[in-house]
PDB file of all heavy atoms in Angstrom:
ATOM      1  N   ALA A   1       0.824  -1.215  -0.001  1.00  0.00           N
ATOM      2  CA  ALA A   1      -0.003   0.003  -0.005  1.00  0.00           C
ATOM      3  C   ALA A   1       0.868   1.265   0.003  1.00  0.00           C
ATOM      4  O   ALA A   1       0.582   2.210  -0.742  1.00  0.00           O
ATOM      5  CB  ALA A   1      -0.926  -0.004   1.208  1.00  0.00           C
ATOM      6  N   ALA A   2       1.919   1.267   0.816  1.00  0.00           N
ATOM      7  CA  ALA A   2       2.826   2.435   0.834  1.00  0.00           C
ATOM      8  C   ALA A   2       3.493   2.599  -0.517  1.00  0.00           C
ATOM      9  O   ALA A   2       3.592   3.728  -1.043  1.00  0.00           O
ATOM     10  CB  ALA A   2       3.870   2.252   1.929  1.00  0.00           C
ATOM     11  N   LEU A   3       3.907   1.501  -1.106  1.00  0.00           N
ATOM     12  CA  LEU A   3       4.536   1.553  -2.417  1.00  0.00           C
ATOM     13  C   LEU A   3       3.547   2.007  -3.483  1.00  0.00           C
ATOM     14  O   LEU A   3       3.875   2.809  -4.370  1.00  0.00           O
ATOM     15  CB  LEU A   3       5.112   0.172  -2.759  1.00  0.00           C
ATOM     16  CG  LEU A   3       5.931   0.055  -4.051  1.00  0.00           C
ATOM     17  CD1 LEU A   3       7.004   1.110  -4.123  1.00  0.00           C
ATOM     18  CD2 LEU A   3       6.543  -1.346  -4.125  1.00  0.00           C
ATOM     19  N   ALA A   4       2.303   1.536  -3.396  1.00  0.00           N
ATOM     20  CA  ALA A   4       1.268   1.918  -4.355  1.00  0.00           C
ATOM     21  C   ALA A   4       1.019   3.425  -4.291  1.00  0.00           C
ATOM     22  O   ALA A   4       0.931   4.087  -5.328  1.00  0.00           O
ATOM     23  CB  ALA A   4      -0.007   1.143  -4.099  1.00  0.00           C
ATOM     24  N   TYR A   5       0.889   3.964  -3.090  1.00  0.00           N
ATOM     25  CA  TYR A   5       0.646   5.406  -2.986  1.00  0.00           C
ATOM     26  C   TYR A   5       1.848   6.190  -3.466  1.00  0.00           C
ATOM     27  O   TYR A   5       1.717   7.261  -4.079  1.00  0.00           O
ATOM     28  CB  TYR A   5       0.247   5.815  -1.583  1.00  0.00           C
ATOM     29  CG  TYR A   5      -0.273   7.235  -1.569  1.00  0.00           C
ATOM     30  CD1 TYR A   5      -1.494   7.544  -2.192  1.00  0.00           C
ATOM     31  CD2 TYR A   5       0.439   8.268  -0.970  1.00  0.00           C
ATOM     32  CE1 TYR A   5      -1.978   8.833  -2.217  1.00  0.00           C
ATOM     33  CE2 TYR A   5      -0.040   9.565  -0.985  1.00  0.00           C
ATOM     34  CZ  TYR A   5      -1.241   9.849  -1.623  1.00  0.00           C
ATOM     35  OH  TYR A   5      -1.714  11.139  -1.663  1.00  0.00           O
ATOM     36  N   GLY A   6       3.041   5.669  -3.219  1.00  0.00           N
ATOM     37  CA  GLY A   6       4.253   6.315  -3.722  1.00  0.00           C
ATOM     38  C   GLY A   6       4.268   6.342  -5.243  1.00  0.00           C
ATOM     39  O   GLY A   6       4.653   7.350  -5.853  1.00  0.00           O
ATOM     40  N   GLU A   7       3.842   5.255  -5.862  1.00  0.00           N
ATOM     41  CA  GLU A   7       3.812   5.209  -7.325  1.00  0.00           C
ATOM     42  C   GLU A   7       2.732   6.146  -7.865  1.00  0.00           C
ATOM     43  O   GLU A   7       2.912   6.807  -8.896  1.00  0.00           O
ATOM     44  CB  GLU A   7       3.532   3.785  -7.802  1.00  0.00           C
ATOM     45  CG  GLU A   7       4.652   2.802  -7.535  1.00  0.00           C
ATOM     46  CD  GLU A   7       5.901   3.101  -8.342  1.00  0.00           C
ATOM     47  OE1 GLU A   7       5.780   3.261  -9.582  1.00  0.00           O
ATOM     48  OE2 GLU A   7       6.972   3.221  -7.761  1.00  0.00           O
ATOM     49  N   LEU A   8       1.588   6.232  -7.177  1.00  0.00           N
ATOM     50  CA  LEU A   8       0.517   7.114  -7.627  1.00  0.00           C
ATOM     51  C   LEU A   8       0.970   8.578  -7.554  1.00  0.00           C
ATOM     52  O   LEU A   8       0.745   9.370  -8.492  1.00  0.00           O
ATOM     53  CB  LEU A   8      -0.727   6.897  -6.759  1.00  0.00           C
ATOM     54  CG  LEU A   8      -1.987   7.664  -7.167  1.00  0.00           C
ATOM     55  CD1 LEU A   8      -2.400   7.334  -8.581  1.00  0.00           C
ATOM     56  CD2 LEU A   8      -3.126   7.369  -6.195  1.00  0.00           C
ATOM     57  N   THR A   9       1.597   8.964  -6.444  1.00  0.00           N
ATOM     58  CA  THR A   9       2.081  10.349  -6.330  1.00  0.00           C
ATOM     59  C   THR A   9       3.239  10.592  -7.297  1.00  0.00           C
ATOM     60  O   THR A   9       3.392  11.697  -7.829  1.00  0.00           O
ATOM     61  CB  THR A   9       2.497  10.672  -4.896  1.00  0.00           C
ATOM     62  OG1 THR A   9       3.493   9.751  -4.456  1.00  0.00           O
ATOM     63  CG2 THR A   9       1.323  10.610  -3.958  1.00  0.00           C
ATOM     64  N   GLY A  10       4.049   9.548  -7.523  1.00  0.00           N
ATOM     65  CA  GLY A  10       5.142   9.672  -8.482  1.00  0.00           C
ATOM     66  C   GLY A  10       4.619   9.957  -9.884  1.00  0.00           C
ATOM     67  O   GLY A  10       5.175  10.785 -10.612  1.00  0.00           O
ATOM     68  N   PHE A  11       3.554   9.284 -10.257  1.00  0.00           N
ATOM     69  CA  PHE A  11       2.919   9.540 -11.536  1.00  0.00           C
ATOM     70  C   PHE A  11       2.482  11.000 -11.638  1.00  0.00           C
ATOM     71  O   PHE A  11       2.750  11.669 -12.638  1.00  0.00           O
ATOM     72  CB  PHE A  11       1.708   8.604 -11.708  1.00  0.00           C
ATOM     73  CG  PHE A  11       0.655   9.141 -12.656  1.00  0.00           C
ATOM     74  CD1 PHE A  11       0.868   9.137 -14.018  1.00  0.00           C
ATOM     75  CD2 PHE A  11      -0.541   9.659 -12.147  1.00  0.00           C
ATOM     76  CE1 PHE A  11      -0.092   9.662 -14.869  1.00  0.00           C
ATOM     77  CE2 PHE A  11      -1.486  10.157 -13.003  1.00  0.00           C
ATOM     78  CZ  PHE A  11      -1.281  10.171 -14.367  1.00  0.00           C
ATOM     79  N   ALA A  12       1.797  11.488 -10.617  1.00  0.00           N
ATOM     80  CA  ALA A  12       1.278  12.853 -10.658  1.00  0.00           C
ATOM     81  C   ALA A  12       2.413  13.881 -10.724  1.00  0.00           C
ATOM     82  O   ALA A  12       2.329  14.880 -11.469  1.00  0.00           O
ATOM     83  CB  ALA A  12       0.408  13.105  -9.428  1.00  0.00           C
ATOM     84  N   ARG A  13       3.483  13.630  -9.969  1.00  0.00           N
ATOM     85  CA  ARG A  13       4.588  14.604  -9.947  1.00  0.00           C
ATOM     86  C   ARG A  13       5.329  14.603 -11.284  1.00  0.00           C
ATOM     87  O   ARG A  13       5.695  15.670 -11.805  1.00  0.00           O
ATOM     88  CB  ARG A  13       5.531  14.300  -8.806  1.00  0.00           C
ATOM     89  CG  ARG A  13       4.962  14.720  -7.447  1.00  0.00           C
ATOM     90  CD  ARG A  13       5.911  14.509  -6.304  1.00  0.00           C
ATOM     91  NE  ARG A  13       6.249  13.110  -6.107  1.00  0.00           N
ATOM     92  CZ  ARG A  13       7.407  12.559  -6.383  1.00  0.00           C
ATOM     93  NH1 ARG A  13       8.383  13.298  -6.910  1.00  0.00           N
ATOM     94  NH2 ARG A  13       7.633  11.279  -6.182  1.00  0.00           N
ATOM     95  N   LEU A  14       5.576  13.417 -11.871  1.00  0.00           N
ATOM     96  CA  LEU A  14       6.280  13.374 -13.156  1.00  0.00           C
ATOM     97  C   LEU A  14       5.436  14.003 -14.263  1.00  0.00           C
ATOM     98  O   LEU A  14       5.970  14.662 -15.146  1.00  0.00           O
ATOM     99  CB  LEU A  14       6.646  11.922 -13.500  1.00  0.00           C
ATOM    100  CG  LEU A  14       7.800  11.343 -12.700  1.00  0.00           C
ATOM    101  CD1 LEU A  14       7.907   9.837 -12.981  1.00  0.00           C
ATOM    102  CD2 LEU A  14       9.101  12.032 -13.030  1.00  0.00           C
ATOM    103  N   ALA A  15       4.132  13.740 -14.210  1.00  0.00           N
ATOM    104  CA  ALA A  15       3.255  14.353 -15.206  1.00  0.00           C
ATOM    105  C   ALA A  15       3.292  15.867 -15.082  1.00  0.00           C
ATOM    106  O   ALA A  15       3.353  16.594 -16.108  1.00  0.00           O
ATOM    107  CB  ALA A  15       1.824  13.840 -15.033  1.00  0.00           C
ATOM    108  N   GLY A  16       3.302  16.391 -13.859  1.00  0.00           N
ATOM    109  CA  GLY A  16       3.397  17.840 -13.645  1.00  0.00           C
ATOM    110  C   GLY A  16       4.746  18.380 -14.083  1.00  0.00           C
ATOM    111  O   GLY A  16       4.842  19.451 -14.707  1.00  0.00           O
ATOM    112  N   ASP A  17       5.830  17.614 -13.770  1.00  0.00           N
ATOM    113  CA  ASP A  17       7.160  18.048 -14.166  1.00  0.00           C
ATOM    114  C   ASP A  17       7.288  18.147 -15.689  1.00  0.00           C
ATOM    115  O   ASP A  17       8.009  19.012 -16.205  1.00  0.00           O
ATOM    116  CB  ASP A  17       8.204  17.075 -13.631  1.00  0.00           C
ATOM    117  CG  ASP A  17       8.378  17.161 -12.127  1.00  0.00           C
ATOM    118  OD1 ASP A  17       7.864  18.140 -11.497  1.00  0.00           O
ATOM    119  OD2 ASP A  17       8.991  16.246 -11.556  1.00  0.00           O
ATOM    120  N   SER A  18       6.636  17.256 -16.404  1.00  0.00           N
ATOM    121  CA  SER A  18       6.758  17.231 -17.863  1.00  0.00           C
ATOM    122  C   SER A  18       6.267  18.541 -18.474  1.00  0.00           C
ATOM    123  O   SER A  18       6.784  18.963 -19.518  1.00  0.00           O
ATOM    124  CB  SER A  18       5.964  16.049 -18.448  1.00  0.00           C
ATOM    125  OG  SER A  18       4.570  16.255 -18.360  1.00  0.00           O
ATOM    126  N   GLU A  19       5.313  19.205 -17.820  1.00  0.00           N
ATOM    127  CA  GLU A  19       4.800  20.469 -18.356  1.00  0.00           C
ATOM    128  C   GLU A  19       5.840  21.572 -18.275  1.00  0.00           C
ATOM    129  O   GLU A  19       5.758  22.569 -18.991  1.00  0.00           O
ATOM    130  CB  GLU A  19       3.539  20.873 -17.601  1.00  0.00           C
ATOM    131  CG  GLU A  19       2.398  19.892 -17.746  1.00  0.00           C
ATOM    132  CD  GLU A  19       1.149  20.327 -16.991  1.00  0.00           C
ATOM    133  OE1 GLU A  19       1.219  21.394 -16.316  1.00  0.00           O
ATOM    134  OE2 GLU A  19       0.130  19.624 -17.068  1.00  0.00           O
ATOM    135  N   LEU A  20       6.839  21.419 -17.384  1.00  0.00           N
ATOM    136  CA  LEU A  20       7.852  22.448 -17.194  1.00  0.00           C
ATOM    137  C   LEU A  20       9.188  22.053 -17.835  1.00  0.00           C
ATOM    138  O   LEU A  20      10.166  22.778 -17.700  1.00  0.00           O
ATOM    139  CB  LEU A  20       8.064  22.720 -15.709  1.00  0.00           C
ATOM    140  CG  LEU A  20       6.833  23.188 -14.943  1.00  0.00           C
ATOM    141  CD1 LEU A  20       7.143  23.301 -13.458  1.00  0.00           C
ATOM    142  CD2 LEU A  20       6.347  24.528 -15.481  1.00  0.00           C
ATOM    143  N   ALA A  21       9.226  20.922 -18.512  1.00  0.00           N
ATOM    144  CA  ALA A  21      10.455  20.463 -19.139  1.00  0.00           C
ATOM    145  C   ALA A  21      10.927  21.464 -20.194  1.00  0.00           C
ATOM    146  O   ALA A  21      10.101  22.024 -20.925  1.00  0.00           O
ATOM    147  CB  ALA A  21      10.232  19.094 -19.786  1.00  0.00           C
ATOM    148  N   PRO A  22      12.237  21.702 -20.288  1.00  0.00           N
ATOM    149  CA  PRO A  22      12.750  22.745 -21.194  1.00  0.00           C
ATOM    150  C   PRO A  22      12.770  22.371 -22.652  1.00  0.00           C
ATOM    151  O   PRO A  22      12.910  23.241 -23.516  1.00  0.00           O
ATOM    152  CB  PRO A  22      14.181  22.974 -20.671  1.00  0.00           C
ATOM    153  CG  PRO A  22      14.559  21.680 -20.030  1.00  0.00           C
ATOM    154  CD  PRO A  22      13.302  21.123 -19.449  1.00  0.00           C
ATOM    155  N   THR A  23      12.622  21.067 -22.965  1.00  0.00           N
ATOM    156  CA  THR A  23      12.642  20.645 -24.378  1.00  0.00           C
ATOM    157  C   THR A  23      11.540  19.630 -24.609  1.00  0.00           C
ATOM    158  O   THR A  23      11.100  18.937 -23.682  1.00  0.00           O
ATOM    159  CB  THR A  23      13.992  19.973 -24.726  1.00  0.00           C
ATOM    160  OG1 THR A  23      14.118  18.758 -23.962  1.00  0.00           O
ATOM    161  CG2 THR A  23      15.162  20.889 -24.398  1.00  0.00           C
ATOM    162  N   PRO A  24      11.076  19.513 -25.869  1.00  0.00           N
ATOM    163  CA  PRO A  24      10.051  18.507 -26.183  1.00  0.00           C
ATOM    164  C   PRO A  24      10.549  17.095 -25.874  1.00  0.00           C
ATOM    165  O   PRO A  24       9.753  16.245 -25.434  1.00  0.00           O
ATOM    166  CB  PRO A  24       9.836  18.713 -27.684  1.00  0.00           C
ATOM    167  CG  PRO A  24      10.201  20.118 -27.929  1.00  0.00           C
ATOM    168  CD  PRO A  24      11.349  20.414 -27.012  1.00  0.00           C
TER     169      PRO A  24
END
């Protein structure tokens, strides 16, 4: 369960980070 929530938040953070990435 801890790992699952970590993966779920990891998904959200990486998706958000992608919007600020400096290159396509």
